[in-house]
Amino acid sequence: MTPADLEHEVCIVWETDPEQFSYVRQTLIETSRRAGRPRRTCGRLIGYAELALAAPAVSQSDRFLRRVFYLMPHDRGELHDAGIYAMNPPLEGVDPHTVVVRIPGSTVRS
């Protein structure tokens, strides 16, 4: 994920208060809309980016590249026993405090 992938973001929408999580997973997905809740995501959707009206579609697919933040059922914050993520987050885990429009979140190590 590069800043160029995020250049058309206008806001981050949090469906769940990210303050309660030590990390959230961050990824890019293709959606049919620039704004609103993405229809399909991996795991439990915590938040997502909305794009400017002028954001171009990805190649010629009429789909838009958007950033989403989510947790899987086995992540810390979803279970009392977080299994392999009890001590360290997954590779795509970022500190939700570092999530800013148009800038990739920073990796956390706890």
PDB file of N, CA and C in Angstrom:
ATOM      1  N   MET A   1       0.852  -1.175   0.000  1.00  0.00           N
ATOM      2  CA  MET A   1       0.000   0.000   0.000  1.00  0.00           C
ATOM      3  C   MET A   1       0.897   1.237   0.000  1.00  0.00           C
ATOM      4  N   THR A   2       0.615   2.133  -0.918  1.00  0.00           N
ATOM      5  CA  THR A   2       1.410   3.350  -1.029  1.00  0.00           C
ATOM      6  C   THR A   2       0.503   4.573  -0.888  1.00  0.00           C
ATOM      7  N   PRO A   3       1.075   5.732  -0.603  1.00  0.00           N
ATOM      8  CA  PRO A   3       0.253   6.944  -0.553  1.00  0.00           C
ATOM      9  C   PRO A   3      -0.510   7.183  -1.865  1.00  0.00           C
ATOM     10  N   ALA A   4       0.051   6.774  -3.006  1.00  0.00           N
ATOM     11  CA  ALA A   4      -0.643   6.938  -4.289  1.00  0.00           C
ATOM     12  C   ALA A   4      -1.956   6.145  -4.321  1.00  0.00           C
ATOM     13  N   ASP A   5      -1.991   5.000  -3.649  1.00  0.00           N
ATOM     14  CA  ASP A   5      -3.222   4.202  -3.585  1.00  0.00           C
ATOM     15  C   ASP A   5      -4.321   4.921  -2.819  1.00  0.00           C
ATOM     16  N   LEU A   6      -3.914   5.865  -1.962  1.00  0.00           N
ATOM     17  CA  LEU A   6      -4.857   6.517  -1.047  1.00  0.00           C
ATOM     18  C   LEU A   6      -5.127   7.975  -1.392  1.00  0.00           C
ATOM     19  N   GLU A   7      -4.595   8.462  -2.501  1.00  0.00           N
ATOM     20  CA  GLU A   7      -4.638   9.897  -2.791  1.00  0.00           C
ATOM     21  C   GLU A   7      -6.039  10.476  -2.951  1.00  0.00           C
ATOM     22  N   HIS A   8      -7.046   9.653  -3.203  1.00  0.00           N
ATOM     23  CA  HIS A   8      -8.407  10.173  -3.397  1.00  0.00           C
ATOM     24  C   HIS A   8      -9.296  10.005  -2.156  1.00  0.00           C
ATOM     25  N   GLU A   9      -8.716   9.576  -1.040  1.00  0.00           N
ATOM     26  CA  GLU A   9      -9.503   9.469   0.191  1.00  0.00           C
ATOM     27  C   GLU A   9      -9.917  10.850   0.687  1.00  0.00           C
ATOM     28  N   VAL A  10     -11.156  10.941   1.190  1.00  0.00           N
ATOM     29  CA  VAL A  10     -11.611  12.204   1.773  1.00  0.00           C
ATOM     30  C   VAL A  10     -11.940  12.062   3.252  1.00  0.00           C
ATOM     31  N   CYS A  11     -12.253  10.847   3.704  1.00  0.00           N
ATOM     32  CA  CYS A  11     -12.509  10.647   5.131  1.00  0.00           C
ATOM     33  C   CYS A  11     -12.408   9.168   5.481  1.00  0.00           C
ATOM     34  N   ILE A  12     -12.236   8.929   6.772  1.00  0.00           N
ATOM     35  CA  ILE A  12     -12.269   7.577   7.328  1.00  0.00           C
ATOM     36  C   ILE A  12     -13.532   7.490   8.170  1.00  0.00           C
ATOM     37  N   VAL A  13     -14.335   6.472   7.938  1.00  0.00           N
ATOM     38  CA  VAL A  13     -15.558   6.255   8.702  1.00  0.00           C
ATOM     39  C   VAL A  13     -15.317   5.064   9.627  1.00  0.00           C
ATOM     40  N   TRP A  14     -15.505   5.280  10.913  1.00  0.00           N
ATOM     41  CA  TRP A  14     -15.357   4.193  11.887  1.00  0.00           C
ATOM     42  C   TRP A  14     -16.744   3.706  12.278  1.00  0.00           C
ATOM     43  N   GLU A  15     -17.037   2.440  12.041  1.00  0.00           N
ATOM     44  CA  GLU A  15     -18.306   1.845  12.455  1.00  0.00           C
ATOM     45  C   GLU A  15     -18.260   1.433  13.918  1.00  0.00           C
ATOM     46  N   THR A  16     -17.071   1.146  14.384  1.00  0.00           N
ATOM     47  CA  THR A  16     -16.838   0.778  15.774  1.00  0.00           C
ATOM     48  C   THR A  16     -15.710   1.663  16.283  1.00  0.00           C
ATOM     49  N   ASP A  17     -15.822   2.135  17.497  1.00  0.00           N
ATOM     50  CA  ASP A  17     -14.795   3.004  18.068  1.00  0.00           C
ATOM     51  C   ASP A  17     -13.452   2.274  18.067  1.00  0.00           C
ATOM     52  N   PRO A  18     -12.468   2.778  17.320  1.00  0.00           N
ATOM     53  CA  PRO A  18     -11.183   2.083  17.226  1.00  0.00           C
ATOM     54  C   PRO A  18     -10.338   2.191  18.493  1.00  0.00           C
ATOM     55  N   GLU A  19     -10.719   3.070  19.400  1.00  0.00           N
ATOM     56  CA  GLU A  19      -9.962   3.250  20.644  1.00  0.00           C
ATOM     57  C   GLU A  19      -9.887   1.976  21.469  1.00  0.00           C
ATOM     58  N   GLN A  20     -10.837   1.089  21.287  1.00  0.00           N
ATOM     59  CA  GLN A  20     -10.873  -0.132  22.101  1.00  0.00           C
ATOM     60  C   GLN A  20      -9.948  -1.236  21.584  1.00  0.00           C
ATOM     61  N   PHE A  21      -9.284  -1.006  20.455  1.00  0.00           N
ATOM     62  CA  PHE A  21      -8.434  -2.031  19.860  1.00  0.00           C
ATOM     63  C   PHE A  21      -6.977  -1.610  19.862  1.00  0.00           C
ATOM     64  N   SER A  22      -6.085  -2.548  20.146  1.00  0.00           N
ATOM     65  CA  SER A  22      -4.652  -2.251  20.078  1.00  0.00           C
ATOM     66  C   SER A  22      -4.172  -2.268  18.631  1.00  0.00           C
ATOM     67  N   TYR A  23      -4.908  -2.952  17.766  1.00  0.00           N
ATOM     68  CA  TYR A  23      -4.614  -2.928  16.338  1.00  0.00           C
ATOM     69  C   TYR A  23      -5.885  -3.237  15.555  1.00  0.00           C
ATOM     70  N   VAL A  24      -5.885  -2.834  14.299  1.00  0.00           N
ATOM     71  CA  VAL A  24      -6.896  -3.251  13.328  1.00  0.00           C
ATOM     72  C   VAL A  24      -6.145  -3.694  12.085  1.00  0.00           C
ATOM     73  N   ARG A  25      -6.721  -4.580  11.321  1.00  0.00           N
ATOM     74  CA  ARG A  25      -6.105  -4.987  10.054  1.00  0.00           C
ATOM     75  C   ARG A  25      -6.466  -3.954   8.989  1.00  0.00           C
ATOM     76  N   GLN A  26      -5.506  -3.630   8.147  1.00  0.00           N
ATOM     77  CA  GLN A  26      -5.692  -2.644   7.085  1.00  0.00           C
ATOM     78  C   GLN A  26      -5.417  -3.301   5.741  1.00  0.00           C
ATOM     79  N   THR A  27      -6.327  -3.102   4.791  1.00  0.00           N
ATOM     80  CA  THR A  27      -6.108  -3.628   3.452  1.00  0.00           C
ATOM     81  C   THR A  27      -6.849  -2.771   2.436  1.00  0.00           C
ATOM     82  N   LEU A  28      -6.558  -2.998   1.170  1.00  0.00           N
ATOM     83  CA  LEU A  28      -7.261  -2.337   0.068  1.00  0.00           C
ATOM     84  C   LEU A  28      -8.187  -3.343  -0.597  1.00  0.00           C
ATOM     85  N   ILE A  29      -9.396  -2.901  -0.897  1.00  0.00           N
ATOM     86  CA  ILE A  29     -10.331  -3.757  -1.624  1.00  0.00           C
ATOM     87  C   ILE A  29     -10.931  -2.955  -2.779  1.00  0.00           C
ATOM     88  N   GLU A  30     -11.428  -3.659  -3.767  1.00  0.00           N
ATOM     89  CA  GLU A  30     -12.144  -3.012  -4.861  1.00  0.00           C
ATOM     90  C   GLU A  30     -13.631  -3.070  -4.547  1.00  0.00           C
ATOM     91  N   THR A  31     -14.292  -1.913  -4.691  1.00  0.00           N
ATOM     92  CA  THR A  31     -15.734  -1.846  -4.448  1.00  0.00           C
ATOM     93  C   THR A  31     -16.412  -1.178  -5.637  1.00  0.00           C
ATOM     94  N   SER A  32     -17.711  -1.293  -5.691  1.00  0.00           N
ATOM     95  CA  SER A  32     -18.468  -0.695  -6.792  1.00  0.00           C
ATOM     96  C   SER A  32     -18.833   0.763  -6.513  1.00  0.00           C
ATOM     97  N   ARG A  33     -18.555   1.235  -5.289  1.00  0.00           N
ATOM     98  CA  ARG A  33     -18.914   2.609  -4.926  1.00  0.00           C
ATOM     99  C   ARG A  33     -17.729   3.334  -4.304  1.00  0.00           C
ATOM    100  N   ARG A  34     -17.744   4.650  -4.444  1.00  0.00           N
ATOM    101  CA  ARG A  34     -16.689   5.480  -3.851  1.00  0.00           C
ATOM    102  C   ARG A  34     -16.928   5.732  -2.364  1.00  0.00           C
ATOM    103  N   ALA A  35     -18.174   5.685  -1.938  1.00  0.00           N
ATOM    104  CA  ALA A  35     -18.518   6.005  -0.555  1.00  0.00           C
ATOM    105  C   ALA A  35     -19.558   5.019  -0.037  1.00  0.00           C
ATOM    106  N   GLY A  36     -19.807   5.099   1.249  1.00  0.00           N
ATOM    107  CA  GLY A  36     -20.752   4.187   1.884  1.00  0.00           C
ATOM    108  C   GLY A  36     -20.069   2.912   2.329  1.00  0.00           C
ATOM    109  N   ARG A  37     -20.783   2.142   3.086  1.00  0.00           N
ATOM    110  CA  ARG A  37     -20.244   0.890   3.627  1.00  0.00           C
ATOM    111  C   ARG A  37     -19.951  -0.098   2.506  1.00  0.00           C
ATOM    112  N   PRO A  38     -18.722  -0.627   2.484  1.00  0.00           N
ATOM    113  CA  PRO A  38     -18.419  -1.667   1.495  1.00  0.00           C
ATOM    114  C   PRO A  38     -19.315  -2.880   1.723  1.00  0.00           C
ATOM    115  N   ARG A  39     -19.758  -3.485   0.664  1.00  0.00           N
ATOM    116  CA  ARG A  39     -20.685  -4.615   0.788  1.00  0.00           C
ATOM    117  C   ARG A  39     -19.997  -5.883   1.273  1.00  0.00           C
ATOM    118  N   ARG A  40     -18.765  -6.091   0.839  1.00  0.00           N
ATOM    119  CA  ARG A  40     -18.042  -7.309   1.236  1.00  0.00           C
ATOM    120  C   ARG A  40     -16.708  -6.931   1.846  1.00  0.00           C
ATOM    121  N   THR A  41     -16.422  -7.528   2.956  1.00  0.00           N
ATOM    122  CA  THR A  41     -15.122  -7.335   3.591  1.00  0.00           C
ATOM    123  C   THR A  41     -14.687  -8.650   4.212  1.00  0.00           C
ATOM    124  N   CYS A  42     -13.452  -8.678   4.606  1.00  0.00           N
ATOM    125  CA  CYS A  42     -12.934  -9.819   5.355  1.00  0.00           C
ATOM    126  C   CYS A  42     -13.255  -9.575   6.821  1.00  0.00           C
ATOM    127  N   GLY A  43     -13.725 -10.552   7.524  1.00  0.00           N
ATOM    128  CA  GLY A  43     -13.923 -10.414   8.961  1.00  0.00           C
ATOM    129  C   GLY A  43     -14.938  -9.351   9.341  1.00  0.00           C
ATOM    130  N   ARG A  44     -14.774  -8.820  10.552  1.00  0.00           N
ATOM    131  CA  ARG A  44     -15.674  -7.799  11.099  1.00  0.00           C
ATOM    132  C   ARG A  44     -15.194  -6.414  10.681  1.00  0.00           C
ATOM    133  N   LEU A  45     -16.019  -5.687   9.965  1.00  0.00           N
ATOM    134  CA  LEU A  45     -15.659  -4.356   9.497  1.00  0.00           C
ATOM    135  C   LEU A  45     -15.627  -3.385  10.667  1.00  0.00           C
ATOM    136  N   ILE A  46     -14.487  -2.712  10.836  1.00  0.00           N
ATOM    137  CA  ILE A  46     -14.323  -1.716  11.893  1.00  0.00           C
ATOM    138  C   ILE A  46     -14.411  -0.311  11.301  1.00  0.00           C
ATOM    139  N   GLY A  47     -13.870  -0.119  10.102  1.00  0.00           N
ATOM    140  CA  GLY A  47     -13.916   1.180   9.453  1.00  0.00           C
ATOM    141  C   GLY A  47     -13.541   1.081   7.992  1.00  0.00           C
ATOM    142  N   TYR A  48     -13.716   2.203   7.288  1.00  0.00           N
ATOM    143  CA  TYR A  48     -13.403   2.222   5.859  1.00  0.00           C
ATOM    144  C   TYR A  48     -13.170   3.656   5.404  1.00  0.00           C
ATOM    145  N   ALA A  49     -12.499   3.785   4.271  1.00  0.00           N
ATOM    146  CA  ALA A  49     -12.255   5.088   3.663  1.00  0.00           C
ATOM    147  C   ALA A  49     -13.337   5.384   2.635  1.00  0.00           C
ATOM    148  N   GLU A  50     -13.684   6.670   2.541  1.00  0.00           N
ATOM    149  CA  GLU A  50     -14.561   7.128   1.471  1.00  0.00           C
ATOM    150  C   GLU A  50     -13.722   7.967   0.519  1.00  0.00           C
ATOM    151  N   LEU A  51     -14.069   7.906  -0.760  1.00  0.00           N
ATOM    152  CA  LEU A  51     -13.284   8.571  -1.800  1.00  0.00           C
ATOM    153  C   LEU A  51     -13.989   9.814  -2.338  1.00  0.00           C
ATOM    154  N   ALA A  52     -13.201  10.702  -2.923  1.00  0.00           N
ATOM    155  CA  ALA A  52     -13.734  11.895  -3.572  1.00  0.00           C
ATOM    156  C   ALA A  52     -14.579  11.491  -4.782  1.00  0.00           C
ATOM    157  N   LEU A  53     -15.527  12.347  -5.141  1.00  0.00           N
ATOM    158  CA  LEU A  53     -16.373  12.070  -6.307  1.00  0.00           C
ATOM    159  C   LEU A  53     -15.566  11.946  -7.588  1.00  0.00           C
ATOM    160  N   ALA A  54     -14.424  12.610  -7.638  1.00  0.00           N
ATOM    161  CA  ALA A  54     -13.577  12.566  -8.837  1.00  0.00           C
ATOM    162  C   ALA A  54     -12.609  11.383  -8.854  1.00  0.00           C
ATOM    163  N   ALA A  55     -12.662  10.538  -7.841  1.00  0.00           N
ATOM    164  CA  ALA A  55     -11.742   9.389  -7.793  1.00  0.00           C
ATOM    165  C   ALA A  55     -11.964   8.494  -9.005  1.00  0.00           C
ATOM    166  N   PRO A  56     -10.892   8.155  -9.698  1.00  0.00           N
ATOM    167  CA  PRO A  56     -11.040   7.311 -10.892  1.00  0.00           C
ATOM    168  C   PRO A  56     -11.239   5.839 -10.525  1.00  0.00           C
ATOM    169  N   ALA A  57     -11.860   5.123 -11.434  1.00  0.00           N
ATOM    170  CA  ALA A  57     -12.014   3.681 -11.262  1.00  0.00           C
ATOM    171  C   ALA A  57     -10.664   3.008 -11.478  1.00  0.00           C
ATOM    172  N   VAL A  58     -10.525   1.814 -10.958  1.00  0.00           N
ATOM    173  CA  VAL A  58      -9.318   1.031 -11.145  1.00  0.00           C
ATOM    174  C   VAL A  58      -9.333   0.496 -12.571  1.00  0.00           C
ATOM    175  N   SER A  59      -8.323   0.835 -13.322  1.00  0.00           N
ATOM    176  CA  SER A  59      -8.215   0.468 -14.741  1.00  0.00           C
ATOM    177  C   SER A  59      -9.555   0.674 -15.450  1.00  0.00           C
ATOM    178  N   GLN A  60     -10.085  -0.345 -16.072  1.00  0.00           N
ATOM    179  CA  GLN A  60     -11.362  -0.197 -16.781  1.00  0.00           C
ATOM    180  C   GLN A  60     -12.446  -1.071 -16.163  1.00  0.00           C
ATOM    181  N   SER A  61     -12.363  -1.258 -14.863  1.00  0.00           N
ATOM    182  CA  SER A  61     -13.271  -2.183 -14.198  1.00  0.00           C
ATOM    183  C   SER A  61     -14.520  -1.531 -13.616  1.00  0.00           C
ATOM    184  N   ASP A  62     -14.600  -0.198 -13.593  1.00  0.00           N
ATOM    185  CA  ASP A  62     -15.701   0.517 -12.937  1.00  0.00           C
ATOM    186  C   ASP A  62     -15.771   0.195 -11.449  1.00  0.00           C
ATOM    187  N   ARG A  63     -14.637  -0.147 -10.873  1.00  0.00           N
ATOM    188  CA  ARG A  63     -14.548  -0.418  -9.438  1.00  0.00           C
ATOM    189  C   ARG A  63     -13.503   0.522  -8.850  1.00  0.00           C
ATOM    190  N   PHE A  64     -13.642   0.763  -7.552  1.00  0.00           N
ATOM    191  CA  PHE A  64     -12.796   1.744  -6.881  1.00  0.00           C
ATOM    192  C   PHE A  64     -11.987   1.082  -5.775  1.00  0.00           C
ATOM    193  N   LEU A  65     -10.743   1.471  -5.671  1.00  0.00           N
ATOM    194  CA  LEU A  65      -9.843   0.926  -4.660  1.00  0.00           C
ATOM    195  C   LEU A  65     -10.034   1.710  -3.366  1.00  0.00           C
ATOM    196  N   ARG A  66     -10.461   1.002  -2.318  1.00  0.00           N
ATOM    197  CA  ARG A  66     -10.722   1.645  -1.019  1.00  0.00           C
ATOM    198  C   ARG A  66     -10.045   0.883   0.101  1.00  0.00           C
ATOM    199  N   ARG A  67      -9.651   1.629   1.112  1.00  0.00           N
ATOM    200  CA  ARG A  67      -9.019   1.040   2.288  1.00  0.00           C
ATOM    201  C   ARG A  67     -10.098   0.647   3.295  1.00  0.00           C
ATOM    202  N   VAL A  68      -9.937  -0.535   3.873  1.00  0.00           N
ATOM    203  CA  VAL A  68     -10.846  -0.991   4.928  1.00  0.00           C
ATOM    204  C   VAL A  68     -10.032  -1.439   6.128  1.00  0.00           C
ATOM    205  N   PHE A  69     -10.670  -1.380   7.284  1.00  0.00           N
ATOM    206  CA  PHE A  69     -10.068  -1.787   8.547  1.00  0.00           C
ATOM    207  C   PHE A  69     -11.001  -2.823   9.159  1.00  0.00           C
ATOM    208  N   TYR A  70     -10.433  -3.939   9.582  1.00  0.00           N
ATOM    209  CA  TYR A  70     -11.270  -5.043  10.038  1.00  0.00           C
ATOM    210  C   TYR A  70     -10.530  -5.880  11.073  1.00  0.00           C
ATOM    211  N   LEU A  71     -11.277  -6.778  11.714  1.00  0.00           N
ATOM    212  CA  LEU A  71     -10.712  -7.777  12.614  1.00  0.00           C
ATOM    213  C   LEU A  71     -11.256  -9.142  12.212  1.00  0.00           C
ATOM    214  N   MET A  72     -10.427 -10.139  12.355  1.00  0.00           N
ATOM    215  CA  MET A  72     -10.847 -11.518  12.124  1.00  0.00           C
ATOM    216  C   MET A  72     -11.312 -12.103  13.463  1.00  0.00           C
ATOM    217  N   PRO A  73     -12.092 -13.175  13.424  1.00  0.00           N
ATOM    218  CA  PRO A  73     -12.613 -13.758  14.665  1.00  0.00           C
ATOM    219  C   PRO A  73     -11.529 -14.163  15.666  1.00  0.00           C
ATOM    220  N   HIS A  74     -10.329 -14.477  15.187  1.00  0.00           N
ATOM    221  CA  HIS A  74      -9.256 -14.923  16.067  1.00  0.00           C
ATOM    222  C   HIS A  74      -8.325 -13.784  16.499  1.00  0.00           C
ATOM    223  N   ASP A  75      -8.673 -12.529  16.214  1.00  0.00           N
ATOM    224  CA  ASP A  75      -7.835 -11.387  16.592  1.00  0.00           C
ATOM    225  C   ASP A  75      -8.044 -10.973  18.040  1.00  0.00           C
ATOM    226  N   ARG A  76      -7.027 -10.336  18.568  1.00  0.00           N
ATOM    227  CA  ARG A  76      -7.115  -9.723  19.891  1.00  0.00           C
ATOM    228  C   ARG A  76      -8.231  -8.683  19.842  1.00  0.00           C
ATOM    229  N   GLY A  77      -9.042  -8.631  20.874  1.00  0.00           N
ATOM    230  CA  GLY A  77     -10.179  -7.725  20.876  1.00  0.00           C
ATOM    231  C   GLY A  77     -11.459  -8.441  20.478  1.00  0.00           C
ATOM    232  N   GLU A  78     -11.335  -9.539  19.762  1.00  0.00           N
ATOM    233  CA  GLU A  78     -12.495 -10.341  19.379  1.00  0.00           C
ATOM    234  C   GLU A  78     -12.650 -11.553  20.303  1.00  0.00           C
ATOM    235  N   LEU A  79     -11.551 -12.004  20.857  1.00  0.00           N
ATOM    236  CA  LEU A  79     -11.571 -13.168  21.747  1.00  0.00           C
ATOM    237  C   LEU A  79     -10.865 -12.833  23.047  1.00  0.00           C
ATOM    238  N   HIS A  80     -11.234 -13.508  24.117  1.00  0.00           N
ATOM    239  CA  HIS A  80     -10.505 -13.328  25.371  1.00  0.00           C
ATOM    240  C   HIS A  80      -9.111 -13.930  25.246  1.00  0.00           C
ATOM    241  N   ASP A  81      -9.016 -15.059  24.555  1.00  0.00           N
ATOM    242  CA  ASP A  81      -7.735 -15.689  24.266  1.00  0.00           C
ATOM    243  C   ASP A  81      -7.439 -15.432  22.800  1.00  0.00           C
ATOM    244  N   ALA A  82      -6.502 -14.557  22.517  1.00  0.00           N
ATOM    245  CA  ALA A  82      -6.242 -14.147  21.139  1.00  0.00           C
ATOM    246  C   ALA A  82      -5.308 -15.090  20.385  1.00  0.00           C
ATOM    247  N   GLY A  83      -5.011 -16.223  20.955  1.00  0.00           N
ATOM    248  CA  GLY A  83      -4.189 -17.205  20.250  1.00  0.00           C
ATOM    249  C   GLY A  83      -2.845 -16.648  19.822  1.00  0.00           C
ATOM    250  N   ILE A  84      -2.495 -16.837  18.551  1.00  0.00           N
ATOM    251  CA  ILE A  84      -1.171 -16.423  18.086  1.00  0.00           C
ATOM    252  C   ILE A  84      -0.990 -14.909  18.075  1.00  0.00           C
ATOM    253  N   TYR A  85      -2.084 -14.147  18.182  1.00  0.00           N
ATOM    254  CA  TYR A  85      -1.976 -12.686  18.181  1.00  0.00           C
ATOM    255  C   TYR A  85      -2.092 -12.095  19.592  1.00  0.00           C
ATOM    256  N   ALA A  86      -1.945 -12.939  20.605  1.00  0.00           N
ATOM    257  CA  ALA A  86      -2.019 -12.450  21.987  1.00  0.00           C
ATOM    258  C   ALA A  86      -0.890 -11.474  22.298  1.00  0.00           C
ATOM    259  N   MET A  87       0.276 -11.683  21.706  1.00  0.00           N
ATOM    260  CA  MET A  87       1.430 -10.824  22.001  1.00  0.00           C
ATOM    261  C   MET A  87       1.750  -9.842  20.874  1.00  0.00           C
ATOM    262  N   ASN A  88       1.622 -10.277  19.631  1.00  0.00           N
ATOM    263  CA  ASN A  88       1.953  -9.436  18.480  1.00  0.00           C
ATOM    264  C   ASN A  88       0.810  -9.441  17.478  1.00  0.00           C
ATOM    265  N   PRO A  89       0.597  -8.320  16.806  1.00  0.00           N
ATOM    266  CA  PRO A  89      -0.470  -8.261  15.807  1.00  0.00           C
ATOM    267  C   PRO A  89      -0.060  -8.955  14.508  1.00  0.00           C
ATOM    268  N   PRO A  90      -1.012  -9.212  13.620  1.00  0.00           N
ATOM    269  CA  PRO A  90      -0.681  -9.777  12.308  1.00  0.00           C
ATOM    270  C   PRO A  90       0.090  -8.754  11.476  1.00  0.00           C
ATOM    271  N   LEU A  91       0.689  -9.197  10.393  1.00  0.00           N
ATOM    272  CA  LEU A  91       1.493  -8.301   9.551  1.00  0.00           C
ATOM    273  C   LEU A  91       0.718  -7.094   9.047  1.00  0.00           C
ATOM    274  N   GLU A  92      -0.566  -7.260   8.741  1.00  0.00           N
ATOM    275  CA  GLU A  92      -1.358  -6.139   8.244  1.00  0.00           C
ATOM    276  C   GLU A  92      -1.986  -5.307   9.361  1.00  0.00           C
ATOM    277  N   GLY A  93      -1.627  -5.638  10.614  1.00  0.00           N
ATOM    278  CA  GLY A  93      -2.148  -4.891  11.757  1.00  0.00           C
ATOM    279  C   GLY A  93      -1.510  -3.514  11.869  1.00  0.00           C
ATOM    280  N   VAL A  94      -2.347  -2.499  12.082  1.00  0.00           N
ATOM    281  CA  VAL A  94      -1.860  -1.132  12.282  1.00  0.00           C
ATOM    282  C   VAL A  94      -2.493  -0.560  13.536  1.00  0.00           C
ATOM    283  N   ASP A  95      -1.791   0.377  14.155  1.00  0.00           N
ATOM    284  CA  ASP A  95      -2.305   1.089  15.314  1.00  0.00           C
ATOM    285  C   ASP A  95      -3.418   2.016  14.824  1.00  0.00           C
ATOM    286  N   PRO A  96      -4.652   1.868  15.316  1.00  0.00           N
ATOM    287  CA  PRO A  96      -5.735   2.716  14.817  1.00  0.00           C
ATOM    288  C   PRO A  96      -5.505   4.205  15.072  1.00  0.00           C
ATOM    289  N   HIS A  97      -4.650   4.544  16.045  1.00  0.00           N
ATOM    290  CA  HIS A  97      -4.332   5.953  16.307  1.00  0.00           C
ATOM    291  C   HIS A  97      -3.516   6.574  15.183  1.00  0.00           C
ATOM    292  N   THR A  98      -2.897   5.742  14.344  1.00  0.00           N
ATOM    293  CA  THR A  98      -2.060   6.256  13.256  1.00  0.00           C
ATOM    294  C   THR A  98      -2.805   6.358  11.930  1.00  0.00           C
ATOM    295  N   VAL A  99      -4.063   5.965  11.921  1.00  0.00           N
ATOM    296  CA  VAL A  99      -4.844   5.989  10.684  1.00  0.00           C
ATOM    297  C   VAL A  99      -5.266   7.421  10.376  1.00  0.00           C
ATOM    298  N   VAL A 100      -4.802   7.904   9.234  1.00  0.00           N
ATOM    299  CA  VAL A 100      -5.092   9.261   8.778  1.00  0.00           C
ATOM    300  C   VAL A 100      -5.465   9.181   7.298  1.00  0.00           C
ATOM    301  N   VAL A 101      -6.346  10.058   6.877  1.00  0.00           N
ATOM    302  CA  VAL A 101      -6.737  10.114   5.467  1.00  0.00           C
ATOM    303  C   VAL A 101      -5.487  10.272   4.599  1.00  0.00           C
ATOM    304  N   ARG A 102      -5.404   9.466   3.545  1.00  0.00           N
ATOM    305  CA  ARG A 102      -4.343   9.493   2.524  1.00  0.00           C
ATOM    306  C   ARG A 102      -2.962   9.048   3.009  1.00  0.00           C
ATOM    307  N   ILE A 103      -2.858   8.511   4.221  1.00  0.00           N
ATOM    308  CA  ILE A 103      -1.570   8.026   4.727  1.00  0.00           C
ATOM    309  C   ILE A 103      -1.762   6.627   5.305  1.00  0.00           C
ATOM    310  N   PRO A 104      -0.974   5.642   4.860  1.00  0.00           N
ATOM    311  CA  PRO A 104      -1.117   4.294   5.422  1.00  0.00           C
ATOM    312  C   PRO A 104      -0.878   4.297   6.927  1.00  0.00           C
ATOM    313  N   GLY A 105      -1.654   3.495   7.655  1.00  0.00           N
ATOM    314  CA  GLY A 105      -1.454   3.362   9.094  1.00  0.00           C
ATOM    315  C   GLY A 105      -0.110   2.733   9.390  1.00  0.00           C
ATOM    316  N   SER A 106       0.394   3.022  10.585  1.00  0.00           N
ATOM    317  CA  SER A 106       1.694   2.495  10.991  1.00  0.00           C
ATOM    318  C   SER A 106       1.545   1.161  11.704  1.00  0.00           C
ATOM    319  N   THR A 107       2.476   0.300  11.451  1.00  0.00           N
ATOM    320  CA  THR A 107       2.511  -1.007  12.084  1.00  0.00           C
ATOM    321  C   THR A 107       2.785  -0.863  13.560  1.00  0.00           C
ATOM    322  N   VAL A 108       2.155  -1.723  14.337  1.00  0.00           N
ATOM    323  CA  VAL A 108       2.381  -1.724  15.777  1.00  0.00           C
ATOM    324  C   VAL A 108       3.029  -3.034  16.177  1.00  0.00           C
ATOM    325  N   ARG A 109       3.801  -2.982  17.178  1.00  0.00           N
ATOM    326  CA  ARG A 109       4.359  -4.197  17.784  1.00  0.00           C
ATOM    327  C   ARG A 109       4.176  -4.039  19.279  1.00  0.00           C
ATOM    328  N   SER A 110       3.364  -4.931  19.864  1.00  0.00           N
ATOM    329  CA  SER A 110       3.091  -4.804  21.296  1.00  0.00           C
ATOM    330  C   SER A 110       3.554  -6.024  22.049  1.00  0.00           C
TER     331      SER A 110
END
